[in-house]
Amino acid sequence: MYTGVLNAFQRVDYLLRAFAVALRAQPNALLLMVSPLVSEAHEREHKQLAQELGISNSVIWIAPHTLEDLPSYLALADVTVVPRPECPGHPVKLLNYMLAGKPTVSFAGGAKGVRHLHDAFIVPNHDYEALGRGIVAVLEDKKLAGELGAQCSRHRSFRIRLAPDLPEDRAHL
C-alpha cells in the first residue's frame, strides 16, 4: 500500500516498477494507491505506466479520502511502501505507517533514523528492483512482517527519534 499524493517527487514511478517486480513473485498481490487528493494528470501518467508494465489489473486507485479514513485504509495493508529516495526530512507517511504498526519497505533516503530489519526493510536509493524484492520478502516472511510491525507499534520512541518537532495532531493515527 502507498498513501499520499501522486506528485513526481514521491517517485510513484519507482513504486510501480517495484510492484511489477513483486508481482512476478506474488501474482495475486494488489497495490492500493490511496491518495488524499484527486490529481487527474498525475493519476493518468501513473496509470499509463502501470498499463505499460502490465500491472494495471493489480493496482487499485483510491482518491480522494479524508484524513480520518487513513487508519481504515492502513488496516488493510500487509506491507506499506515509501518510494522516495530523497527526502529532506521524514515523510509523514512513514510515521503513519509505523504508528499503524505496519511493516514498511523504503528507500534509505525516505527512512532516515530507521534501522533495517528492526523498524523497516530498507533498500538502496533508486534501486526499484531491490524495493520490489523487499516487498516480496515482507509478503513472504510473515514472521518478519509481524516483527517489523510489532516493533513500530510497541515503541513510540521512534516518533521522537524521527520527528521530535512533529505536533501530536500531525501523527494521524
N, C-alpha and C. Protein backbone atom coordinates (compact mmCIF):
# COMPACT_ATOMS: atom_id res chain seq x y z
N MET A 1 0.84 -1.18 0.00
CA MET A 1 0.00 0.00 0.00
C MET A 1 0.89 1.24 0.00
N TYR A 2 0.42 2.22 -0.74
CA TYR A 2 1.03 3.54 -0.74
C TYR A 2 -0.05 4.52 -0.36
N THR A 3 0.27 5.46 0.53
CA THR A 3 -0.66 6.53 0.85
C THR A 3 0.07 7.85 0.63
N GLY A 4 -0.61 8.77 -0.02
CA GLY A 4 -0.01 10.08 -0.23
C GLY A 4 -0.35 10.64 -1.59
N VAL A 5 0.19 11.81 -1.85
CA VAL A 5 -0.05 12.46 -3.12
C VAL A 5 0.72 11.74 -4.22
N LEU A 6 0.35 12.01 -5.45
CA LEU A 6 0.93 11.30 -6.59
C LEU A 6 1.95 12.15 -7.35
N ASN A 7 2.39 13.25 -6.76
CA ASN A 7 3.33 14.16 -7.41
C ASN A 7 4.66 13.45 -7.72
N ALA A 8 5.39 14.01 -8.68
CA ALA A 8 6.64 13.39 -9.16
C ALA A 8 7.66 13.17 -8.04
N PHE A 9 7.76 14.09 -7.09
CA PHE A 9 8.77 13.95 -6.03
C PHE A 9 8.55 12.71 -5.17
N GLN A 10 7.35 12.15 -5.18
CA GLN A 10 7.06 10.94 -4.39
C GLN A 10 7.62 9.69 -5.06
N ARG A 11 7.97 9.77 -6.32
CA ARG A 11 8.55 8.67 -7.09
C ARG A 11 7.63 7.45 -7.16
N VAL A 12 6.37 7.73 -7.45
CA VAL A 12 5.39 6.66 -7.65
C VAL A 12 5.82 5.78 -8.82
N ASP A 13 6.57 6.35 -9.78
CA ASP A 13 7.08 5.54 -10.88
C ASP A 13 7.97 4.41 -10.36
N TYR A 14 8.81 4.70 -9.38
CA TYR A 14 9.64 3.64 -8.78
C TYR A 14 8.75 2.59 -8.10
N LEU A 15 7.72 3.04 -7.41
CA LEU A 15 6.83 2.10 -6.74
C LEU A 15 6.15 1.18 -7.75
N LEU A 16 5.66 1.72 -8.85
CA LEU A 16 5.00 0.89 -9.85
C LEU A 16 5.98 -0.11 -10.47
N ARG A 17 7.19 0.33 -10.72
CA ARG A 17 8.21 -0.58 -11.26
C ARG A 17 8.56 -1.65 -10.23
N ALA A 18 8.66 -1.26 -8.96
CA ALA A 18 8.94 -2.23 -7.89
C ALA A 18 7.81 -3.23 -7.76
N PHE A 19 6.57 -2.74 -7.89
CA PHE A 19 5.43 -3.64 -7.78
C PHE A 19 5.42 -4.64 -8.94
N ALA A 20 5.86 -4.23 -10.12
CA ALA A 20 5.96 -5.16 -11.24
C ALA A 20 6.92 -6.30 -10.89
N VAL A 21 8.02 -5.97 -10.21
CA VAL A 21 8.96 -7.00 -9.74
C VAL A 21 8.27 -7.90 -8.73
N ALA A 22 7.58 -7.31 -7.77
CA ALA A 22 6.91 -8.08 -6.72
C ALA A 22 5.82 -8.97 -7.29
N LEU A 23 5.11 -8.48 -8.29
CA LEU A 23 4.00 -9.23 -8.86
C LEU A 23 4.46 -10.51 -9.55
N ARG A 24 5.68 -10.51 -10.05
CA ARG A 24 6.21 -11.74 -10.67
C ARG A 24 6.34 -12.85 -9.63
N ALA A 25 6.68 -12.50 -8.40
CA ALA A 25 6.82 -13.49 -7.33
C ALA A 25 5.51 -13.73 -6.59
N GLN A 26 4.67 -12.72 -6.53
CA GLN A 26 3.39 -12.78 -5.82
C GLN A 26 2.27 -12.35 -6.78
N PRO A 27 1.89 -13.23 -7.72
CA PRO A 27 0.95 -12.83 -8.78
C PRO A 27 -0.45 -12.45 -8.30
N ASN A 28 -0.80 -12.77 -7.07
CA ASN A 28 -2.12 -12.39 -6.54
C ASN A 28 -2.08 -11.11 -5.72
N ALA A 29 -0.93 -10.48 -5.64
CA ALA A 29 -0.80 -9.25 -4.85
C ALA A 29 -1.59 -8.12 -5.48
N LEU A 30 -2.03 -7.21 -4.63
CA LEU A 30 -2.70 -5.99 -5.07
C LEU A 30 -1.96 -4.80 -4.49
N LEU A 31 -1.88 -3.74 -5.25
CA LEU A 31 -1.29 -2.49 -4.78
C LEU A 31 -2.41 -1.48 -4.63
N LEU A 32 -2.64 -1.02 -3.42
CA LEU A 32 -3.61 0.04 -3.17
C LEU A 32 -2.88 1.37 -3.15
N MET A 33 -3.31 2.28 -4.02
CA MET A 33 -2.75 3.62 -4.11
C MET A 33 -3.79 4.56 -3.52
N VAL A 34 -3.56 4.98 -2.29
CA VAL A 34 -4.55 5.75 -1.54
C VAL A 34 -4.06 7.20 -1.44
N SER A 35 -4.75 8.09 -2.14
CA SER A 35 -4.33 9.48 -2.18
C SER A 35 -5.40 10.39 -1.59
N PRO A 36 -4.98 11.38 -0.79
CA PRO A 36 -5.96 12.29 -0.21
C PRO A 36 -6.52 13.28 -1.23
N LEU A 37 -5.85 13.42 -2.37
CA LEU A 37 -6.25 14.41 -3.37
C LEU A 37 -6.48 13.76 -4.72
N VAL A 38 -7.35 14.34 -5.49
CA VAL A 38 -7.52 13.91 -6.87
C VAL A 38 -6.54 14.72 -7.70
N SER A 39 -5.70 14.02 -8.43
CA SER A 39 -4.75 14.67 -9.34
C SER A 39 -4.84 13.93 -10.66
N GLU A 40 -5.76 14.39 -11.51
CA GLU A 40 -6.04 13.66 -12.75
C GLU A 40 -4.81 13.51 -13.63
N ALA A 41 -4.00 14.55 -13.72
CA ALA A 41 -2.81 14.48 -14.58
C ALA A 41 -1.81 13.45 -14.05
N HIS A 42 -1.52 13.51 -12.75
CA HIS A 42 -0.57 12.55 -12.17
C HIS A 42 -1.13 11.14 -12.22
N GLU A 43 -2.40 10.98 -11.89
CA GLU A 43 -3.01 9.65 -11.90
C GLU A 43 -3.00 9.07 -13.32
N ARG A 44 -3.31 9.88 -14.30
CA ARG A 44 -3.30 9.43 -15.69
C ARG A 44 -1.90 8.96 -16.09
N GLU A 45 -0.88 9.73 -15.71
CA GLU A 45 0.50 9.38 -16.03
C GLU A 45 0.88 8.05 -15.38
N HIS A 46 0.51 7.87 -14.12
CA HIS A 46 0.86 6.64 -13.41
C HIS A 46 0.06 5.44 -13.91
N LYS A 47 -1.19 5.66 -14.26
CA LYS A 47 -2.00 4.58 -14.82
C LYS A 47 -1.44 4.12 -16.17
N GLN A 48 -0.93 5.08 -16.93
CA GLN A 48 -0.31 4.72 -18.22
C GLN A 48 0.93 3.86 -17.98
N LEU A 49 1.76 4.23 -17.01
CA LEU A 49 2.94 3.43 -16.69
C LEU A 49 2.53 2.03 -16.21
N ALA A 50 1.51 1.96 -15.36
CA ALA A 50 1.03 0.66 -14.88
C ALA A 50 0.57 -0.19 -16.07
N GLN A 51 -0.09 0.42 -17.03
CA GLN A 51 -0.53 -0.31 -18.22
C GLN A 51 0.68 -0.82 -19.00
N GLU A 52 1.69 0.04 -19.19
CA GLU A 52 2.90 -0.35 -19.92
C GLU A 52 3.63 -1.49 -19.23
N LEU A 53 3.60 -1.48 -17.89
CA LEU A 53 4.27 -2.53 -17.11
C LEU A 53 3.44 -3.81 -17.01
N GLY A 54 2.19 -3.76 -17.45
CA GLY A 54 1.32 -4.93 -17.39
C GLY A 54 0.79 -5.24 -16.01
N ILE A 55 0.68 -4.22 -15.17
CA ILE A 55 0.24 -4.43 -13.78
C ILE A 55 -1.07 -3.73 -13.46
N SER A 56 -1.68 -3.08 -14.44
CA SER A 56 -2.83 -2.22 -14.15
C SER A 56 -4.00 -2.98 -13.52
N ASN A 57 -4.18 -4.25 -13.83
CA ASN A 57 -5.26 -5.02 -13.23
C ASN A 57 -5.01 -5.35 -11.76
N SER A 58 -3.80 -5.09 -11.27
CA SER A 58 -3.44 -5.38 -9.89
C SER A 58 -3.24 -4.12 -9.05
N VAL A 59 -3.59 -2.98 -9.62
CA VAL A 59 -3.44 -1.70 -8.92
C VAL A 59 -4.82 -1.09 -8.73
N ILE A 60 -5.13 -0.70 -7.50
CA ILE A 60 -6.41 -0.07 -7.18
C ILE A 60 -6.13 1.37 -6.76
N TRP A 61 -6.75 2.30 -7.43
CA TRP A 61 -6.55 3.73 -7.18
C TRP A 61 -7.71 4.24 -6.34
N ILE A 62 -7.41 4.84 -5.20
CA ILE A 62 -8.43 5.36 -4.29
C ILE A 62 -8.13 6.83 -4.04
N ALA A 63 -9.03 7.71 -4.47
CA ALA A 63 -8.87 9.15 -4.23
C ALA A 63 -10.21 9.83 -4.48
N PRO A 64 -10.50 10.86 -3.77
CA PRO A 64 -9.80 11.33 -2.58
C PRO A 64 -10.29 10.58 -1.35
N HIS A 65 -9.58 10.78 -0.27
CA HIS A 65 -10.03 10.24 1.01
C HIS A 65 -9.77 11.29 2.08
N THR A 66 -10.50 11.21 3.16
CA THR A 66 -10.27 12.14 4.26
C THR A 66 -9.19 11.58 5.17
N LEU A 67 -8.57 12.46 5.91
CA LEU A 67 -7.54 12.05 6.85
C LEU A 67 -8.10 11.08 7.88
N GLU A 68 -9.34 11.24 8.22
CA GLU A 68 -9.98 10.36 9.20
C GLU A 68 -10.09 8.93 8.67
N ASP A 69 -10.13 8.78 7.35
CA ASP A 69 -10.25 7.45 6.74
C ASP A 69 -8.91 6.70 6.66
N LEU A 70 -7.81 7.42 6.81
CA LEU A 70 -6.49 6.81 6.64
C LEU A 70 -6.27 5.58 7.51
N PRO A 71 -6.60 5.58 8.80
CA PRO A 71 -6.38 4.37 9.60
C PRO A 71 -7.14 3.16 9.06
N SER A 72 -8.32 3.36 8.53
CA SER A 72 -9.10 2.24 7.98
C SER A 72 -8.42 1.66 6.74
N TYR A 73 -7.88 2.52 5.91
CA TYR A 73 -7.15 2.03 4.74
C TYR A 73 -5.88 1.30 5.17
N LEU A 74 -5.13 1.90 6.09
CA LEU A 74 -3.89 1.27 6.54
C LEU A 74 -4.15 -0.10 7.18
N ALA A 75 -5.29 -0.26 7.80
CA ALA A 75 -5.62 -1.55 8.42
C ALA A 75 -5.69 -2.67 7.37
N LEU A 76 -5.91 -2.33 6.11
CA LEU A 76 -5.98 -3.32 5.04
C LEU A 76 -4.61 -3.78 4.55
N ALA A 77 -3.57 -3.05 4.88
CA ALA A 77 -2.25 -3.29 4.28
C ALA A 77 -1.50 -4.47 4.92
N ASP A 78 -0.89 -5.28 4.06
CA ASP A 78 0.06 -6.30 4.51
C ASP A 78 1.46 -5.71 4.57
N VAL A 79 1.74 -4.76 3.69
CA VAL A 79 3.02 -4.07 3.66
C VAL A 79 2.77 -2.67 3.11
N THR A 80 3.51 -1.70 3.62
CA THR A 80 3.43 -0.32 3.14
C THR A 80 4.77 0.06 2.52
N VAL A 81 4.75 1.06 1.64
CA VAL A 81 5.96 1.40 0.90
C VAL A 81 6.18 2.91 0.88
N VAL A 82 7.44 3.30 1.08
CA VAL A 82 7.88 4.69 0.92
C VAL A 82 8.85 4.70 -0.26
N PRO A 83 8.39 5.13 -1.46
CA PRO A 83 9.25 5.07 -2.64
C PRO A 83 10.12 6.30 -2.87
N ARG A 84 10.24 7.17 -1.88
CA ARG A 84 11.04 8.39 -2.05
C ARG A 84 12.50 8.13 -1.72
N PRO A 85 13.39 8.27 -2.70
CA PRO A 85 14.81 8.08 -2.40
C PRO A 85 15.47 9.32 -1.79
N GLU A 86 14.88 10.47 -2.02
CA GLU A 86 15.40 11.70 -1.42
C GLU A 86 14.28 12.37 -0.65
N CYS A 87 14.60 12.77 0.56
CA CYS A 87 13.62 13.45 1.40
C CYS A 87 14.39 14.30 2.39
N PRO A 88 14.14 15.61 2.42
CA PRO A 88 14.90 16.47 3.33
C PRO A 88 14.63 16.19 4.81
N GLY A 89 13.48 15.66 5.11
CA GLY A 89 13.14 15.32 6.49
C GLY A 89 12.65 13.90 6.56
N HIS A 90 11.56 13.70 7.24
CA HIS A 90 10.96 12.38 7.35
C HIS A 90 9.55 12.43 6.76
N PRO A 91 9.28 11.55 5.82
CA PRO A 91 7.93 11.55 5.25
C PRO A 91 6.88 11.25 6.32
N VAL A 92 5.84 12.05 6.37
CA VAL A 92 4.77 11.82 7.35
C VAL A 92 4.16 10.44 7.11
N LYS A 93 4.14 9.99 5.84
CA LYS A 93 3.57 8.67 5.57
C LYS A 93 4.34 7.58 6.32
N LEU A 94 5.66 7.73 6.46
CA LEU A 94 6.45 6.75 7.21
C LEU A 94 5.99 6.71 8.67
N LEU A 95 5.79 7.88 9.24
CA LEU A 95 5.30 7.93 10.62
C LEU A 95 3.92 7.29 10.73
N ASN A 96 3.05 7.57 9.77
CA ASN A 96 1.71 6.97 9.78
C ASN A 96 1.78 5.46 9.68
N TYR A 97 2.62 4.97 8.78
CA TYR A 97 2.76 3.52 8.61
C TYR A 97 3.26 2.88 9.91
N MET A 98 4.25 3.50 10.50
CA MET A 98 4.85 2.94 11.72
C MET A 98 3.87 3.02 12.89
N LEU A 99 3.19 4.15 13.02
CA LEU A 99 2.20 4.27 14.09
C LEU A 99 1.07 3.26 13.94
N ALA A 100 0.76 2.89 12.68
CA ALA A 100 -0.27 1.89 12.43
C ALA A 100 0.25 0.47 12.68
N GLY A 101 1.55 0.35 12.95
CA GLY A 101 2.12 -0.98 13.19
C GLY A 101 2.24 -1.81 11.93
N LYS A 102 2.44 -1.15 10.79
CA LYS A 102 2.53 -1.85 9.52
C LYS A 102 3.99 -2.00 9.09
N PRO A 103 4.36 -3.18 8.61
CA PRO A 103 5.72 -3.33 8.09
C PRO A 103 5.89 -2.42 6.86
N THR A 104 7.05 -1.80 6.78
CA THR A 104 7.30 -0.83 5.72
C THR A 104 8.57 -1.18 4.97
N VAL A 105 8.51 -1.04 3.65
CA VAL A 105 9.68 -1.16 2.79
C VAL A 105 9.95 0.24 2.26
N SER A 106 11.21 0.66 2.34
CA SER A 106 11.53 2.04 1.99
C SER A 106 12.93 2.15 1.40
N PHE A 107 13.08 3.14 0.53
CA PHE A 107 14.43 3.54 0.14
C PHE A 107 15.09 4.18 1.35
N ALA A 108 16.40 4.09 1.43
CA ALA A 108 17.15 4.63 2.57
C ALA A 108 16.89 6.13 2.76
N GLY A 109 16.79 6.88 1.67
CA GLY A 109 16.60 8.32 1.77
C GLY A 109 15.27 8.73 2.38
N GLY A 110 14.29 7.85 2.34
CA GLY A 110 12.99 8.13 2.94
C GLY A 110 12.84 7.53 4.31
N ALA A 111 13.94 7.00 4.86
CA ALA A 111 13.85 6.30 6.14
C ALA A 111 15.00 6.67 7.07
N LYS A 112 15.33 7.93 7.10
CA LYS A 112 16.41 8.37 8.00
C LYS A 112 16.04 8.07 9.44
N GLY A 113 16.99 7.57 10.20
CA GLY A 113 16.75 7.27 11.61
C GLY A 113 16.04 5.95 11.83
N VAL A 114 15.72 5.24 10.75
CA VAL A 114 15.05 3.95 10.84
C VAL A 114 16.08 2.87 10.57
N ARG A 115 16.02 1.79 11.31
CA ARG A 115 17.02 0.72 11.18
C ARG A 115 16.47 -0.44 10.35
N HIS A 116 17.31 -0.89 9.41
CA HIS A 116 16.97 -2.01 8.54
C HIS A 116 16.72 -3.28 9.36
N LEU A 117 15.62 -3.93 9.06
CA LEU A 117 15.19 -5.18 9.69
C LEU A 117 14.90 -5.02 11.18
N HIS A 118 14.87 -3.79 11.66
CA HIS A 118 14.44 -3.53 13.03
C HIS A 118 13.13 -2.74 13.00
N ASP A 119 13.15 -1.61 12.29
CA ASP A 119 11.96 -0.75 12.17
C ASP A 119 11.31 -0.88 10.80
N ALA A 120 12.10 -1.24 9.78
CA ALA A 120 11.60 -1.31 8.41
C ALA A 120 12.57 -2.14 7.57
N PHE A 121 12.15 -2.45 6.36
CA PHE A 121 13.01 -3.12 5.39
C PHE A 121 13.52 -2.02 4.47
N ILE A 122 14.81 -1.72 4.54
CA ILE A 122 15.37 -0.57 3.84
C ILE A 122 16.26 -1.05 2.70
N VAL A 123 16.11 -0.40 1.54
CA VAL A 123 16.88 -0.77 0.36
C VAL A 123 17.63 0.46 -0.16
N PRO A 124 18.65 0.23 -1.00
CA PRO A 124 19.41 1.36 -1.54
C PRO A 124 18.54 2.30 -2.38
N ASN A 125 18.84 3.57 -2.31
CA ASN A 125 18.11 4.58 -3.08
C ASN A 125 18.13 4.28 -4.57
N HIS A 126 17.01 4.54 -5.22
CA HIS A 126 16.83 4.44 -6.67
C HIS A 126 16.84 3.01 -7.22
N ASP A 127 17.00 2.01 -6.38
CA ASP A 127 17.03 0.61 -6.84
C ASP A 127 15.62 0.03 -6.71
N TYR A 128 14.79 0.28 -7.73
CA TYR A 128 13.40 -0.16 -7.64
C TYR A 128 13.29 -1.69 -7.65
N GLU A 129 14.27 -2.38 -8.22
CA GLU A 129 14.24 -3.84 -8.17
C GLU A 129 14.43 -4.32 -6.74
N ALA A 130 15.34 -3.68 -6.01
CA ALA A 130 15.53 -4.02 -4.59
C ALA A 130 14.27 -3.68 -3.79
N LEU A 131 13.61 -2.57 -4.15
CA LEU A 131 12.37 -2.21 -3.48
C LEU A 131 11.33 -3.31 -3.71
N GLY A 132 11.23 -3.79 -4.94
CA GLY A 132 10.31 -4.88 -5.25
C GLY A 132 10.65 -6.16 -4.50
N ARG A 133 11.94 -6.49 -4.45
CA ARG A 133 12.36 -7.69 -3.69
C ARG A 133 12.07 -7.53 -2.20
N GLY A 134 12.19 -6.30 -1.70
CA GLY A 134 11.86 -6.05 -0.30
C GLY A 134 10.38 -6.26 -0.02
N ILE A 135 9.53 -5.82 -0.95
CA ILE A 135 8.09 -6.04 -0.81
C ILE A 135 7.81 -7.54 -0.76
N VAL A 136 8.44 -8.29 -1.65
CA VAL A 136 8.25 -9.74 -1.69
C VAL A 136 8.73 -10.37 -0.38
N ALA A 137 9.89 -9.94 0.08
CA ALA A 137 10.44 -10.51 1.32
C ALA A 137 9.47 -10.34 2.48
N VAL A 138 8.88 -9.17 2.59
CA VAL A 138 7.95 -8.91 3.69
C VAL A 138 6.64 -9.68 3.48
N LEU A 139 6.17 -9.76 2.24
CA LEU A 139 4.95 -10.51 1.98
C LEU A 139 5.13 -12.01 2.25
N GLU A 140 6.29 -12.53 1.91
CA GLU A 140 6.52 -13.97 2.04
C GLU A 140 6.95 -14.39 3.44
N ASP A 141 7.55 -13.48 4.18
CA ASP A 141 8.04 -13.82 5.52
C ASP A 141 7.12 -13.18 6.56
N LYS A 142 6.08 -13.92 6.92
CA LYS A 142 5.08 -13.40 7.87
C LYS A 142 5.71 -13.09 9.22
N LYS A 143 6.72 -13.87 9.62
CA LYS A 143 7.39 -13.61 10.89
C LYS A 143 8.09 -12.25 10.84
N LEU A 144 8.83 -12.00 9.77
CA LEU A 144 9.50 -10.70 9.60
C LEU A 144 8.48 -9.57 9.57
N ALA A 145 7.42 -9.74 8.79
CA ALA A 145 6.38 -8.70 8.71
C ALA A 145 5.81 -8.42 10.09
N GLY A 146 5.52 -9.45 10.84
CA GLY A 146 4.98 -9.27 12.18
C GLY A 146 5.94 -8.57 13.11
N GLU A 147 7.22 -8.94 13.02
CA GLU A 147 8.23 -8.32 13.88
C GLU A 147 8.41 -6.84 13.55
N LEU A 148 8.46 -6.52 12.26
CA LEU A 148 8.62 -5.11 11.86
C LEU A 148 7.42 -4.28 12.32
N GLY A 149 6.23 -4.80 12.10
CA GLY A 149 5.03 -4.08 12.52
C GLY A 149 4.93 -3.95 14.02
N ALA A 150 5.23 -5.03 14.73
CA ALA A 150 5.14 -5.01 16.19
C ALA A 150 6.18 -4.08 16.80
N GLN A 151 7.36 -4.07 16.22
CA GLN A 151 8.43 -3.20 16.74
C GLN A 151 7.98 -1.75 16.71
N CYS A 152 7.35 -1.37 15.63
CA CYS A 152 6.90 0.02 15.49
C CYS A 152 5.75 0.34 16.43
N SER A 153 4.81 -0.57 16.54
CA SER A 153 3.66 -0.28 17.39
C SER A 153 4.00 -0.38 18.87
N ARG A 154 5.03 -1.15 19.21
CA ARG A 154 5.45 -1.28 20.61
C ARG A 154 6.18 -0.06 21.13
N HIS A 155 6.99 0.51 20.26
CA HIS A 155 7.88 1.58 20.71
C HIS A 155 7.55 2.90 20.05
N ARG A 156 7.01 3.80 20.80
CA ARG A 156 6.74 5.13 20.27
C ARG A 156 8.01 5.98 20.26
N SER A 157 9.10 5.44 20.78
CA SER A 157 10.34 6.22 20.82
C SER A 157 10.83 6.57 19.42
N PHE A 158 10.46 5.75 18.40
CA PHE A 158 10.90 6.09 17.05
C PHE A 158 10.32 7.42 16.62
N ARG A 159 9.12 7.76 17.10
CA ARG A 159 8.49 9.03 16.73
C ARG A 159 9.35 10.19 17.22
N ILE A 160 9.85 10.06 18.42
CA ILE A 160 10.70 11.11 18.98
C ILE A 160 12.02 11.14 18.22
N ARG A 161 12.56 9.98 17.88
CA ARG A 161 13.83 9.89 17.17
C ARG A 161 13.69 10.46 15.76
N LEU A 162 12.56 10.20 15.08
CA LEU A 162 12.39 10.62 13.70
C LEU A 162 11.92 12.06 13.57
N ALA A 163 10.98 12.46 14.39
CA ALA A 163 10.36 13.77 14.22
C ALA A 163 10.01 14.39 15.57
N PRO A 164 11.01 14.81 16.32
CA PRO A 164 10.73 15.33 17.65
C PRO A 164 9.86 16.59 17.65
N ASP A 165 9.85 17.33 16.55
CA ASP A 165 9.08 18.57 16.49
C ASP A 165 7.69 18.39 15.87
N LEU A 166 7.36 17.16 15.48
CA LEU A 166 6.06 16.92 14.88
C LEU A 166 4.99 16.99 15.95
N PRO A 167 4.04 17.93 15.80
CA PRO A 167 2.97 18.02 16.81
C PRO A 167 2.14 16.74 16.85
N GLU A 168 1.60 16.44 18.01
CA GLU A 168 0.79 15.23 18.18
C GLU A 168 -0.33 15.15 17.15
N ASP A 169 -0.94 16.29 16.82
CA ASP A 169 -2.06 16.25 15.89
C ASP A 169 -1.63 15.96 14.46
N ARG A 170 -0.32 15.97 14.16
CA ARG A 170 0.17 15.60 12.84
C ARG A 170 0.43 14.10 12.76
N ALA A 171 0.53 13.44 13.90
CA ALA A 171 0.65 11.98 13.90
C ALA A 171 -0.78 11.47 13.79
N HIS A 172 -1.17 11.10 12.60
CA HIS A 172 -2.57 10.91 12.25
C HIS A 172 -3.23 9.69 12.84
N LEU A 173 -2.52 8.83 13.46
CA LEU A 173 -3.15 7.62 13.99
C LEU A 173 -3.11 7.58 15.49
